[in-house]
Amino acid sequence: MIEQKEFPQKAEKEETFSLLTEIHNSSASTQRELSLKLNVSLGKVNYLLKEVVKRGWVSIKSFSSNPQKLKKVKYALTPKGFSARVDLLDYFLKKKELEYQQLKEEWERSQKEHKDI
């Protein structure tokens, strides 16, 4: 279980989860491809990648041997990153379950009020 202090701020949790999921599904993506798939700016992807690398959730491996060309990199989830992804998934499932229960209760109250009219 990842400690709560290691999680990103609330606003970035969803973007971080999406990034970790995309890396898990396709580690050969470029930052530009990740930006398009996640519908966030290239700068935001760069920032998020730096953060998850700093936390030890993602490793970066260069696979371009020609120094004349741009470096090609491969992003990979580390075991700690996989665990963080699972913990974030658990967080979102619990959050959505709570939202569902609240909506269900509101719906039932509305139905009851409607019948009473």
Protein backbone atom coordinates (compact mmCIF):
# COMPACT_ATOMS: atom_id res chain seq x y z
CA MET A 1 0.00 0.00 0.00
CA ILE A 2 1.36 3.40 -1.01
CA GLU A 3 1.40 6.00 1.77
CA GLN A 4 -1.12 8.81 1.38
CA LYS A 5 1.62 11.48 1.40
CA GLU A 6 3.10 9.91 -1.74
CA PHE A 7 -0.11 10.42 -3.70
CA PRO A 8 -0.38 13.46 -5.92
CA GLN A 9 -2.73 16.32 -5.06
CA LYS A 10 -6.44 15.60 -5.59
CA ALA A 11 -6.58 17.42 -8.93
CA GLU A 12 -3.70 15.35 -10.30
CA LYS A 13 -4.81 11.93 -9.06
CA GLU A 14 -6.95 11.24 -12.11
CA GLU A 15 -4.29 12.44 -14.54
CA THR A 16 -1.62 10.43 -12.72
CA PHE A 17 -3.81 7.32 -12.76
CA SER A 18 -4.47 7.80 -16.48
CA LEU A 19 -0.76 8.25 -17.16
CA LEU A 20 0.20 5.13 -15.19
CA THR A 21 -2.52 3.15 -16.98
CA GLU A 22 -1.37 4.35 -20.40
CA ILE A 23 2.26 3.49 -19.60
CA HIS A 24 1.13 0.09 -18.35
CA ASN A 25 -0.75 -0.52 -21.62
CA SER A 26 1.80 0.98 -24.03
CA SER A 27 5.27 1.73 -22.70
CA ALA A 28 6.65 2.89 -26.07
CA SER A 29 4.47 6.01 -26.24
CA THR A 30 6.14 9.39 -26.69
CA GLN A 31 5.25 12.35 -24.51
CA ARG A 32 3.36 13.85 -27.44
CA GLU A 33 1.34 10.62 -27.89
CA LEU A 34 0.62 10.50 -24.17
CA SER A 35 -0.49 14.14 -24.33
CA LEU A 36 -2.97 13.35 -27.10
CA LYS A 37 -4.27 10.16 -25.48
CA LEU A 38 -4.73 11.79 -22.07
CA ASN A 39 -6.06 15.06 -23.51
CA VAL A 40 -3.61 17.19 -21.51
CA SER A 41 -0.86 19.54 -22.60
CA LEU A 42 2.61 18.32 -23.46
CA GLY A 43 3.97 20.37 -20.56
CA LYS A 44 1.55 18.65 -18.17
CA VAL A 45 2.69 15.22 -19.39
CA ASN A 46 6.30 16.26 -18.90
CA TYR A 47 5.53 17.47 -15.37
CA LEU A 48 3.58 14.30 -14.48
CA LEU A 49 6.33 12.07 -15.84
CA LYS A 50 8.95 13.88 -13.76
CA GLU A 51 6.80 13.43 -10.67
CA VAL A 52 6.15 9.70 -11.16
CA VAL A 53 9.82 9.09 -11.98
CA LYS A 54 10.83 11.02 -8.84
CA ARG A 55 8.46 8.86 -6.78
CA GLY A 56 9.96 5.72 -8.28
CA TRP A 57 6.72 4.68 -9.98
CA VAL A 58 8.08 4.80 -13.54
CA SER A 59 11.50 4.08 -14.98
CA ILE A 60 12.83 5.54 -18.22
CA LYS A 61 15.07 3.53 -20.50
CA SER A 62 16.77 4.92 -23.57
CA PHE A 63 16.92 2.61 -26.56
CA SER A 64 18.46 4.89 -29.21
CA SER A 65 22.11 4.12 -29.80
CA ASN A 66 22.71 6.81 -32.42
CA PRO A 67 23.84 10.04 -30.69
CA GLN A 68 22.93 12.04 -33.83
CA LYS A 69 19.22 11.30 -33.41
CA LEU A 70 16.75 12.28 -30.75
CA LYS A 71 16.77 9.88 -27.84
CA LYS A 72 14.01 7.34 -27.95
CA VAL A 73 12.80 6.32 -24.55
CA LYS A 74 10.61 3.65 -23.12
CA TYR A 75 8.58 4.24 -19.98
CA ALA A 76 7.92 1.30 -17.70
CA LEU A 77 5.97 0.91 -14.49
CA THR A 78 8.10 -0.19 -11.59
CA PRO A 79 6.67 -2.59 -8.98
CA LYS A 80 6.07 0.49 -6.79
CA GLY A 81 4.30 2.16 -9.74
CA PHE A 82 2.10 -0.87 -10.31
CA SER A 83 1.16 -0.80 -6.64
CA ALA A 84 0.42 2.95 -6.84
CA ARG A 85 -1.78 2.36 -9.88
CA VAL A 86 -3.75 -0.31 -8.01
CA ASP A 87 -4.08 1.97 -4.96
CA LEU A 88 -5.31 4.83 -7.15
CA LEU A 89 -7.80 2.48 -8.81
CA ASP A 90 -9.05 1.48 -5.36
CA TYR A 91 -9.35 5.17 -4.41
CA PHE A 92 -11.44 5.93 -7.51
CA LEU A 93 -13.65 2.87 -7.07
CA LYS A 94 -14.43 3.85 -3.48
CA LYS A 95 -15.07 7.44 -4.52
CA LYS A 96 -17.43 6.37 -7.33
CA GLU A 97 -19.21 3.92 -5.04
CA LEU A 98 -19.84 6.72 -2.53
CA GLU A 99 -21.10 9.01 -5.32
CA TYR A 100 -23.38 6.21 -6.54
CA GLN A 101 -24.84 5.70 -3.06
CA GLN A 102 -25.45 9.43 -2.67
CA LEU A 103 -27.17 9.64 -6.06
CA LYS A 104 -29.24 6.55 -5.30
CA GLU A 105 -30.42 8.05 -2.01
CA GLU A 106 -31.25 11.33 -3.74
CA TRP A 107 -33.17 9.44 -6.43
CA GLU A 108 -35.15 7.49 -3.83
CA ARG A 109 -35.98 10.72 -1.94
CA SER A 110 -37.09 12.36 -5.18
CA GLN A 111 -39.26 9.37 -6.11
CA LYS A 112 -40.86 9.39 -2.67
CA GLU A 113 -41.52 13.15 -2.84
CA HIS A 114 -43.01 12.76 -6.30
CA LYS A 115 -45.40 10.04 -5.07
CA ASP A 116 -46.44 12.20 -2.14
CA ILE A 117 -47.50 15.05 -4.42
